Amino acid sequence: MTTNHVDIIRKKLKEYSERGVFSGYKEVQGRNGKVEFTFTWLLNRPFTMVADTKGGSLQMKNILPHVPSKSPMELDLKEFVEIQMDQKQAAHNRVDAKRADLKCSNRLEKLSLTLEVKKNQYSYGVTKLLNTTNKLFGHLHMYHMPYLCEHFEVPEE
């Protein structure tokens, strides 16, 4: 794993932590040369970002549990993620396809976001992946509130 790339990711995540965006920042060496960064963030829940600089990806792993495969909710969330790369989005709001590709996957009813970094754009990638995750939770608040109430214990009011 290229240390410089991990250092870039680490620095960016520590900046977020020092600003109080999230807390409980930790880092552990994962399998196959990957590095796992964990922190408490949205809805006071633990998140794991997996950095695979050999493979050129950043992943917010298993951020949404209990999302049935091919369900209307899964289809809506995948569409929401695709829109984040749409050229019709304002440049500051979208993921630039020249710098990264953003994908949503669902394995064993656990939704993950993966950003494939192009041209070693890791600082950009961290920012865009965190921004997209934040926007995804905003989307859940707007369109899938019963899901948040059931699985994240968000009050109904």
N, C-alpha and C. Protein backbone atom coordinates (compact mmCIF):
# COMPACT_ATOMS: atom_id res chain seq x y z
N MET A 1 0.85 -1.17 0.00
CA MET A 1 0.00 0.00 0.00
C MET A 1 0.89 1.23 0.00
N THR A 2 0.57 2.16 -0.82
CA THR A 2 1.36 3.38 -0.90
C THR A 2 1.12 4.23 0.34
N THR A 3 2.18 4.42 1.12
CA THR A 3 2.06 5.15 2.38
C THR A 3 1.58 6.57 2.15
N ASN A 4 2.09 7.23 1.13
CA ASN A 4 1.69 8.61 0.88
C ASN A 4 0.17 8.74 0.70
N HIS A 5 -0.44 7.79 0.01
CA HIS A 5 -1.88 7.84 -0.20
C HIS A 5 -2.63 7.63 1.11
N VAL A 6 -2.17 6.69 1.91
CA VAL A 6 -2.79 6.46 3.22
C VAL A 6 -2.61 7.69 4.10
N ASP A 7 -1.44 8.32 4.03
CA ASP A 7 -1.20 9.54 4.81
C ASP A 7 -2.17 10.66 4.41
N ILE A 8 -2.46 10.76 3.12
CA ILE A 8 -3.40 11.77 2.63
C ILE A 8 -4.80 11.50 3.20
N ILE A 9 -5.22 10.25 3.16
CA ILE A 9 -6.53 9.86 3.68
C ILE A 9 -6.58 10.12 5.18
N ARG A 10 -5.56 9.67 5.88
CA ARG A 10 -5.47 9.85 7.33
C ARG A 10 -5.55 11.33 7.71
N LYS A 11 -4.79 12.15 7.01
CA LYS A 11 -4.77 13.59 7.31
C LYS A 11 -6.16 14.20 7.11
N LYS A 12 -6.80 13.84 6.03
CA LYS A 12 -8.13 14.39 5.73
C LYS A 12 -9.14 13.96 6.80
N LEU A 13 -9.13 12.70 7.18
CA LEU A 13 -10.06 12.22 8.19
C LEU A 13 -9.77 12.84 9.56
N LYS A 14 -8.50 13.02 9.88
CA LYS A 14 -8.15 13.66 11.16
C LYS A 14 -8.63 15.11 11.18
N GLU A 15 -8.59 15.79 10.04
CA GLU A 15 -9.11 17.15 9.96
C GLU A 15 -10.60 17.18 10.31
N TYR A 16 -11.35 16.24 9.76
CA TYR A 16 -12.78 16.16 10.08
C TYR A 16 -12.97 15.89 11.57
N SER A 17 -12.17 15.00 12.11
CA SER A 17 -12.29 14.66 13.53
C SER A 17 -11.93 15.85 14.41
N GLU A 18 -10.86 16.56 14.08
CA GLU A 18 -10.43 17.71 14.88
C GLU A 18 -11.45 18.85 14.82
N ARG A 19 -12.18 18.95 13.72
CA ARG A 19 -13.24 19.97 13.60
C ARG A 19 -14.52 19.55 14.30
N GLY A 20 -14.57 18.33 14.81
CA GLY A 20 -15.73 17.85 15.53
C GLY A 20 -16.84 17.30 14.64
N VAL A 21 -16.54 17.05 13.37
CA VAL A 21 -17.54 16.49 12.47
C VAL A 21 -17.90 15.08 12.93
N PHE A 22 -16.89 14.33 13.32
CA PHE A 22 -17.16 13.02 13.93
C PHE A 22 -16.19 12.80 15.08
N SER A 23 -16.44 11.76 15.86
CA SER A 23 -15.63 11.50 17.05
C SER A 23 -15.20 10.03 17.06
N GLY A 24 -14.38 9.70 18.04
CA GLY A 24 -13.96 8.32 18.21
C GLY A 24 -13.14 7.78 17.06
N TYR A 25 -12.38 8.65 16.42
CA TYR A 25 -11.57 8.26 15.26
C TYR A 25 -10.54 7.21 15.65
N LYS A 26 -10.51 6.10 14.91
CA LYS A 26 -9.51 5.04 15.10
C LYS A 26 -9.09 4.52 13.73
N GLU A 27 -7.94 3.89 13.75
CA GLU A 27 -7.40 3.34 12.50
C GLU A 27 -6.80 1.98 12.80
N VAL A 28 -7.11 0.98 11.95
CA VAL A 28 -6.52 -0.35 12.11
C VAL A 28 -6.12 -0.88 10.74
N GLN A 29 -5.08 -1.67 10.76
CA GLN A 29 -4.64 -2.33 9.53
C GLN A 29 -5.64 -3.44 9.23
N GLY A 30 -6.20 -3.41 8.06
CA GLY A 30 -7.17 -4.43 7.65
C GLY A 30 -6.49 -5.56 6.91
N ARG A 31 -7.29 -6.39 6.30
CA ARG A 31 -6.77 -7.51 5.53
C ARG A 31 -6.31 -7.05 4.15
N ASN A 32 -5.39 -7.81 3.58
CA ASN A 32 -4.91 -7.58 2.22
C ASN A 32 -4.37 -6.17 2.00
N GLY A 33 -3.73 -5.60 3.02
CA GLY A 33 -3.11 -4.28 2.88
C GLY A 33 -4.06 -3.10 2.97
N LYS A 34 -5.31 -3.36 3.27
CA LYS A 34 -6.28 -2.27 3.40
C LYS A 34 -6.16 -1.66 4.79
N VAL A 35 -6.59 -0.41 4.90
CA VAL A 35 -6.63 0.28 6.19
C VAL A 35 -8.08 0.63 6.48
N GLU A 36 -8.51 0.33 7.70
CA GLU A 36 -9.88 0.63 8.11
C GLU A 36 -9.87 1.78 9.10
N PHE A 37 -10.62 2.82 8.77
CA PHE A 37 -10.79 3.98 9.63
C PHE A 37 -12.19 3.91 10.20
N THR A 38 -12.32 3.98 11.51
CA THR A 38 -13.64 3.96 12.12
C THR A 38 -13.85 5.25 12.90
N PHE A 39 -15.10 5.67 12.96
CA PHE A 39 -15.46 6.90 13.67
C PHE A 39 -16.96 6.90 13.91
N THR A 40 -17.38 7.67 14.89
CA THR A 40 -18.79 7.85 15.19
C THR A 40 -19.23 9.13 14.51
N TRP A 41 -20.38 9.03 13.81
CA TRP A 41 -20.77 10.18 13.00
C TRP A 41 -22.28 10.33 13.01
N LEU A 42 -22.91 10.30 11.88
CA LEU A 42 -24.33 10.56 11.71
C LEU A 42 -25.17 9.66 12.60
N LEU A 43 -26.17 10.26 13.25
CA LEU A 43 -27.06 9.55 14.16
C LEU A 43 -26.29 8.85 15.27
N ASN A 44 -25.10 9.38 15.56
CA ASN A 44 -24.25 8.85 16.63
C ASN A 44 -23.95 7.36 16.44
N ARG A 45 -23.73 6.99 15.18
CA ARG A 45 -23.47 5.59 14.82
C ARG A 45 -22.03 5.41 14.37
N PRO A 46 -21.51 4.19 14.54
CA PRO A 46 -20.16 3.91 14.04
C PRO A 46 -20.15 3.74 12.52
N PHE A 47 -19.12 4.27 11.89
CA PHE A 47 -18.91 4.13 10.45
C PHE A 47 -17.52 3.58 10.22
N THR A 48 -17.37 2.84 9.13
CA THR A 48 -16.07 2.32 8.74
C THR A 48 -15.78 2.73 7.31
N MET A 49 -14.66 3.42 7.13
CA MET A 49 -14.18 3.73 5.78
C MET A 49 -12.97 2.83 5.53
N VAL A 50 -13.05 2.05 4.47
CA VAL A 50 -11.97 1.14 4.11
C VAL A 50 -11.20 1.75 2.95
N ALA A 51 -9.90 1.94 3.17
CA ALA A 51 -9.03 2.49 2.13
C ALA A 51 -8.23 1.34 1.51
N ASP A 52 -8.37 1.19 0.22
CA ASP A 52 -7.61 0.20 -0.54
C ASP A 52 -6.85 0.95 -1.62
N THR A 53 -5.69 1.47 -1.25
CA THR A 53 -4.95 2.29 -2.22
C THR A 53 -4.30 1.44 -3.31
N LYS A 54 -4.10 0.15 -3.07
CA LYS A 54 -3.62 -0.72 -4.15
C LYS A 54 -4.68 -0.85 -5.23
N GLY A 55 -5.93 -0.97 -4.79
CA GLY A 55 -7.05 -1.10 -5.72
C GLY A 55 -7.65 0.24 -6.12
N GLY A 56 -7.21 1.31 -5.45
CA GLY A 56 -7.67 2.66 -5.79
C GLY A 56 -9.09 2.95 -5.34
N SER A 57 -9.48 2.45 -4.16
CA SER A 57 -10.86 2.69 -3.74
C SER A 57 -10.95 3.10 -2.27
N LEU A 58 -12.06 3.77 -2.00
CA LEU A 58 -12.47 4.12 -0.65
C LEU A 58 -13.89 3.61 -0.51
N GLN A 59 -14.19 2.98 0.61
CA GLN A 59 -15.54 2.43 0.78
C GLN A 59 -16.08 2.78 2.16
N MET A 60 -17.31 3.28 2.17
CA MET A 60 -18.07 3.41 3.40
C MET A 60 -18.82 2.10 3.52
N LYS A 61 -18.31 1.24 4.39
CA LYS A 61 -18.74 -0.15 4.44
C LYS A 61 -19.97 -0.33 5.33
N ASN A 62 -20.96 -1.01 4.77
CA ASN A 62 -22.16 -1.43 5.50
C ASN A 62 -22.82 -0.28 6.26
N ILE A 63 -23.03 0.83 5.56
CA ILE A 63 -23.58 2.00 6.26
C ILE A 63 -25.08 1.87 6.54
N LEU A 64 -25.77 1.07 5.73
CA LEU A 64 -27.20 0.88 5.95
C LEU A 64 -27.51 -0.61 6.04
N PRO A 65 -27.95 -1.06 7.22
CA PRO A 65 -28.32 -2.48 7.36
C PRO A 65 -29.76 -2.70 6.93
N HIS A 66 -30.09 -3.94 6.69
CA HIS A 66 -31.49 -4.35 6.46
C HIS A 66 -32.13 -3.65 5.26
N VAL A 67 -31.39 -3.58 4.15
CA VAL A 67 -31.96 -3.05 2.91
C VAL A 67 -32.12 -4.24 1.97
N PRO A 68 -33.34 -4.75 1.83
CA PRO A 68 -33.54 -5.93 1.00
C PRO A 68 -33.12 -5.71 -0.45
N SER A 69 -32.49 -6.70 -1.00
CA SER A 69 -32.04 -6.65 -2.40
C SER A 69 -33.23 -6.47 -3.33
N LYS A 70 -33.06 -5.59 -4.29
CA LYS A 70 -34.07 -5.30 -5.32
C LYS A 70 -35.36 -4.70 -4.75
N SER A 71 -35.31 -4.23 -3.53
CA SER A 71 -36.48 -3.59 -2.94
C SER A 71 -36.63 -2.18 -3.51
N PRO A 72 -37.83 -1.59 -3.42
CA PRO A 72 -37.99 -0.21 -3.88
C PRO A 72 -37.01 0.75 -3.19
N MET A 73 -36.73 0.51 -1.92
CA MET A 73 -35.79 1.38 -1.22
C MET A 73 -34.39 1.25 -1.79
N GLU A 74 -33.94 0.02 -2.03
CA GLU A 74 -32.61 -0.17 -2.62
C GLU A 74 -32.52 0.51 -3.99
N LEU A 75 -33.54 0.33 -4.80
CA LEU A 75 -33.53 0.94 -6.14
C LEU A 75 -33.49 2.46 -6.04
N ASP A 76 -34.25 3.02 -5.11
CA ASP A 76 -34.24 4.47 -4.90
C ASP A 76 -32.87 4.96 -4.46
N LEU A 77 -32.25 4.26 -3.53
CA LEU A 77 -30.94 4.69 -3.03
C LEU A 77 -29.87 4.56 -4.10
N LYS A 78 -29.93 3.52 -4.90
CA LYS A 78 -28.96 3.38 -5.99
C LYS A 78 -29.14 4.49 -7.02
N GLU A 79 -30.38 4.84 -7.30
CA GLU A 79 -30.65 5.95 -8.22
C GLU A 79 -30.11 7.26 -7.63
N PHE A 80 -30.35 7.46 -6.33
CA PHE A 80 -29.85 8.66 -5.66
C PHE A 80 -28.32 8.76 -5.80
N VAL A 81 -27.63 7.65 -5.62
CA VAL A 81 -26.17 7.64 -5.72
C VAL A 81 -25.74 7.93 -7.16
N GLU A 82 -26.41 7.34 -8.13
CA GLU A 82 -26.08 7.60 -9.54
C GLU A 82 -26.22 9.09 -9.88
N ILE A 83 -27.25 9.72 -9.33
CA ILE A 83 -27.50 11.14 -9.60
C ILE A 83 -26.33 12.00 -9.10
N GLN A 84 -25.61 11.53 -8.10
CA GLN A 84 -24.49 12.30 -7.56
C GLN A 84 -23.36 12.49 -8.57
N MET A 85 -23.37 11.69 -9.63
CA MET A 85 -22.36 11.82 -10.68
C MET A 85 -22.92 12.47 -11.95
N ASP A 86 -24.17 12.83 -11.92
CA ASP A 86 -24.84 13.40 -13.09
C ASP A 86 -24.28 14.78 -13.42
N GLN A 87 -23.99 15.00 -14.68
CA GLN A 87 -23.46 16.29 -15.16
C GLN A 87 -24.44 17.43 -14.91
N LYS A 88 -25.71 17.11 -14.72
CA LYS A 88 -26.71 18.15 -14.48
C LYS A 88 -26.60 18.73 -13.07
N GLN A 89 -25.92 18.01 -12.19
CA GLN A 89 -25.68 18.52 -10.84
C GLN A 89 -24.66 19.66 -10.90
N ALA A 90 -24.80 20.60 -10.00
CA ALA A 90 -23.81 21.68 -9.92
C ALA A 90 -22.44 21.07 -9.65
N ALA A 91 -21.41 21.64 -10.23
CA ALA A 91 -20.06 21.09 -10.14
C ALA A 91 -19.62 20.85 -8.70
N HIS A 92 -19.94 21.76 -7.80
CA HIS A 92 -19.51 21.61 -6.42
C HIS A 92 -20.31 20.52 -5.68
N ASN A 93 -21.43 20.12 -6.25
CA ASN A 93 -22.29 19.11 -5.61
C ASN A 93 -22.10 17.71 -6.14
N ARG A 94 -21.51 17.56 -7.30
CA ARG A 94 -21.42 16.24 -7.91
C ARG A 94 -20.03 15.63 -7.72
N VAL A 95 -19.98 14.34 -7.96
CA VAL A 95 -18.70 13.63 -8.02
C VAL A 95 -18.24 13.72 -9.46
N ASP A 96 -17.08 14.31 -9.66
CA ASP A 96 -16.53 14.51 -11.00
C ASP A 96 -16.02 13.18 -11.55
N ALA A 97 -16.62 12.72 -12.64
CA ALA A 97 -16.27 11.44 -13.25
C ALA A 97 -14.82 11.39 -13.71
N LYS A 98 -14.18 12.53 -13.90
CA LYS A 98 -12.77 12.55 -14.29
C LYS A 98 -11.86 12.24 -13.08
N ARG A 99 -12.42 12.40 -11.87
CA ARG A 99 -11.63 12.21 -10.66
C ARG A 99 -12.00 10.97 -9.87
N ALA A 100 -13.23 10.47 -10.07
CA ALA A 100 -13.68 9.31 -9.30
C ALA A 100 -14.98 8.74 -9.87
N ASP A 101 -15.24 7.48 -9.55
CA ASP A 101 -16.51 6.83 -9.86
C ASP A 101 -17.16 6.43 -8.54
N LEU A 102 -18.44 6.66 -8.42
CA LEU A 102 -19.17 6.37 -7.20
C LEU A 102 -20.17 5.26 -7.47
N LYS A 103 -20.18 4.27 -6.59
CA LYS A 103 -21.10 3.15 -6.75
C LYS A 103 -21.73 2.79 -5.41
N CYS A 104 -22.89 2.20 -5.52
CA CYS A 104 -23.64 1.74 -4.35
C CYS A 104 -23.80 0.23 -4.51
N SER A 105 -23.52 -0.52 -3.46
CA SER A 105 -23.68 -1.97 -3.52
C SER A 105 -24.44 -2.46 -2.30
N ASN A 106 -25.06 -3.61 -2.46
CA ASN A 106 -25.84 -4.20 -1.39
C ASN A 106 -25.45 -5.67 -1.30
N ARG A 107 -24.79 -6.00 -0.20
CA ARG A 107 -24.38 -7.39 0.01
C ARG A 107 -24.95 -7.84 1.35
N LEU A 108 -25.70 -8.93 1.30
CA LEU A 108 -26.33 -9.48 2.50
C LEU A 108 -27.17 -8.43 3.22
N GLU A 109 -27.89 -7.64 2.43
CA GLU A 109 -28.79 -6.59 2.91
C GLU A 109 -28.07 -5.48 3.67
N LYS A 110 -26.79 -5.27 3.34
CA LYS A 110 -26.02 -4.17 3.93
C LYS A 110 -25.51 -3.30 2.78
N LEU A 111 -25.95 -2.05 2.79
CA LEU A 111 -25.61 -1.12 1.71
C LEU A 111 -24.27 -0.45 1.98
N SER A 112 -23.42 -0.39 0.98
CA SER A 112 -22.12 0.27 1.07
C SER A 112 -21.97 1.24 -0.09
N LEU A 113 -21.18 2.28 0.12
CA LEU A 113 -20.81 3.22 -0.95
C LEU A 113 -19.34 3.03 -1.24
N THR A 114 -18.99 2.93 -2.51
CA THR A 114 -17.59 2.78 -2.90
C THR A 114 -17.25 3.85 -3.92
N LEU A 115 -16.13 4.50 -3.68
CA LEU A 115 -15.64 5.52 -4.59
C LEU A 115 -14.31 5.02 -5.16
N GLU A 116 -14.30 4.80 -6.47
CA GLU A 116 -13.07 4.39 -7.17
C GLU A 116 -12.32 5.66 -7.54
N VAL A 117 -11.15 5.83 -6.97
CA VAL A 117 -10.37 7.05 -7.13
C VAL A 117 -9.56 6.97 -8.42
N LYS A 118 -9.57 8.06 -9.18
CA LYS A 118 -8.77 8.15 -10.41
C LYS A 118 -7.62 9.11 -10.17
N LYS A 119 -6.49 8.81 -10.76
CA LYS A 119 -5.32 9.68 -10.71
C LYS A 119 -4.93 10.07 -9.28
N ASN A 120 -5.08 9.11 -8.36
CA ASN A 120 -4.66 9.30 -6.96
C ASN A 120 -5.31 10.50 -6.28
N GLN A 121 -6.57 10.75 -6.60
CA GLN A 121 -7.30 11.87 -6.02
C GLN A 121 -7.92 11.49 -4.67
N TYR A 122 -7.08 11.08 -3.71
CA TYR A 122 -7.58 10.56 -2.44
C TYR A 122 -8.18 11.64 -1.54
N SER A 123 -7.60 12.80 -1.48
CA SER A 123 -8.18 13.87 -0.66
C SER A 123 -9.56 14.24 -1.19
N TYR A 124 -9.66 14.42 -2.48
CA TYR A 124 -10.94 14.68 -3.13
C TYR A 124 -11.91 13.53 -2.83
N GLY A 125 -11.42 12.31 -2.96
CA GLY A 125 -12.26 11.13 -2.75
C GLY A 125 -12.84 11.05 -1.35
N VAL A 126 -12.03 11.33 -0.34
CA VAL A 126 -12.53 11.30 1.04
C VAL A 126 -13.64 12.32 1.21
N THR A 127 -13.40 13.54 0.73
CA THR A 127 -14.40 14.60 0.85
C THR A 127 -15.70 14.22 0.16
N LYS A 128 -15.61 13.75 -1.06
CA LYS A 128 -16.82 13.42 -1.83
C LYS A 128 -17.55 12.21 -1.24
N LEU A 129 -16.82 11.24 -0.75
CA LEU A 129 -17.47 10.08 -0.16
C LEU A 129 -18.20 10.45 1.13
N LEU A 130 -17.58 11.27 1.96
CA LEU A 130 -18.25 11.73 3.18
C LEU A 130 -19.44 12.63 2.85
N ASN A 131 -19.28 13.52 1.88
CA ASN A 131 -20.40 14.39 1.48
C ASN A 131 -21.58 13.57 0.96
N THR A 132 -21.28 12.57 0.14
CA THR A 132 -22.34 11.73 -0.41
C THR A 132 -23.04 10.94 0.68
N THR A 133 -22.26 10.43 1.63
CA THR A 133 -22.86 9.70 2.75
C THR A 133 -23.80 10.61 3.53
N ASN A 134 -23.35 11.82 3.79
CA ASN A 134 -24.18 12.80 4.50
C ASN A 134 -25.47 13.09 3.72
N LYS A 135 -25.34 13.30 2.42
CA LYS A 135 -26.52 13.57 1.59
C LYS A 135 -27.45 12.36 1.54
N LEU A 136 -26.87 11.16 1.56
CA LEU A 136 -27.68 9.95 1.56
C LEU A 136 -28.55 9.87 2.81
N PHE A 137 -27.99 10.24 3.95
CA PHE A 137 -28.79 10.23 5.18
C PHE A 137 -29.85 11.33 5.16
N GLY A 138 -29.55 12.45 4.52
CA GLY A 138 -30.57 13.49 4.32
C GLY A 138 -31.71 12.96 3.45
N HIS A 139 -31.36 12.23 2.42
CA HIS A 139 -32.36 11.61 1.54
C HIS A 139 -33.22 10.62 2.33
N LEU A 140 -32.58 9.85 3.19
CA LEU A 140 -33.34 8.91 4.03
C LEU A 140 -34.33 9.65 4.92
N HIS A 141 -33.91 10.78 5.49
CA HIS A 141 -34.81 11.58 6.33
C HIS A 141 -36.02 12.07 5.54
N MET A 142 -35.80 12.40 4.28
CA MET A 142 -36.89 12.92 3.45
C MET A 142 -37.84 11.83 2.94
N TYR A 143 -37.27 10.68 2.53
CA TYR A 143 -38.06 9.70 1.79
C TYR A 143 -38.19 8.32 2.46
N HIS A 144 -37.41 8.07 3.49
CA HIS A 144 -37.43 6.74 4.11
C HIS A 144 -37.40 6.84 5.63
N MET A 145 -38.20 7.75 6.16
CA MET A 145 -38.20 7.97 7.61
C MET A 145 -38.59 6.72 8.39
N PRO A 146 -39.57 5.92 7.95
CA PRO A 146 -39.88 4.70 8.71
C PRO A 146 -38.67 3.77 8.85
N TYR A 147 -37.84 3.70 7.82
CA TYR A 147 -36.62 2.90 7.89
C TYR A 147 -35.69 3.43 8.99
N LEU A 148 -35.49 4.74 9.03
CA LEU A 148 -34.62 5.34 10.06
C LEU A 148 -35.18 5.09 11.46
N CYS A 149 -36.48 5.18 11.60
CA CYS A 149 -37.11 4.94 12.91
C CYS A 149 -36.89 3.49 13.34
N GLU A 150 -37.06 2.57 12.41
CA GLU A 150 -36.95 1.16 12.75
C GLU A 150 -35.51 0.71 12.99
N HIS A 151 -34.58 1.15 12.16
CA HIS A 151 -33.22 0.61 12.21
C HIS A 151 -32.19 1.51 12.87
N PHE A 152 -32.52 2.77 13.06
CA PHE A 152 -31.58 3.71 13.68
C PHE A 152 -32.18 4.40 14.90
N GLU A 153 -33.36 3.95 15.28
CA GLU A 153 -34.04 4.48 16.47
C GLU A 153 -34.21 6.01 16.44
N VAL A 154 -34.48 6.52 15.24
CA VAL A 154 -34.76 7.94 15.08
C VAL A 154 -36.20 8.18 15.50
N PRO A 155 -36.45 9.18 16.35
CA PRO A 155 -37.83 9.46 16.76
C PRO A 155 -38.69 9.85 15.55
N GLU A 156 -39.95 9.45 15.60
CA GLU A 156 -40.85 9.73 14.47
C GLU A 156 -41.17 11.19 14.28
N GLU A 157 -41.13 11.99 15.33
CA GLU A 157 -41.48 13.40 15.18
C GLU A 157 -40.35 14.20 14.69
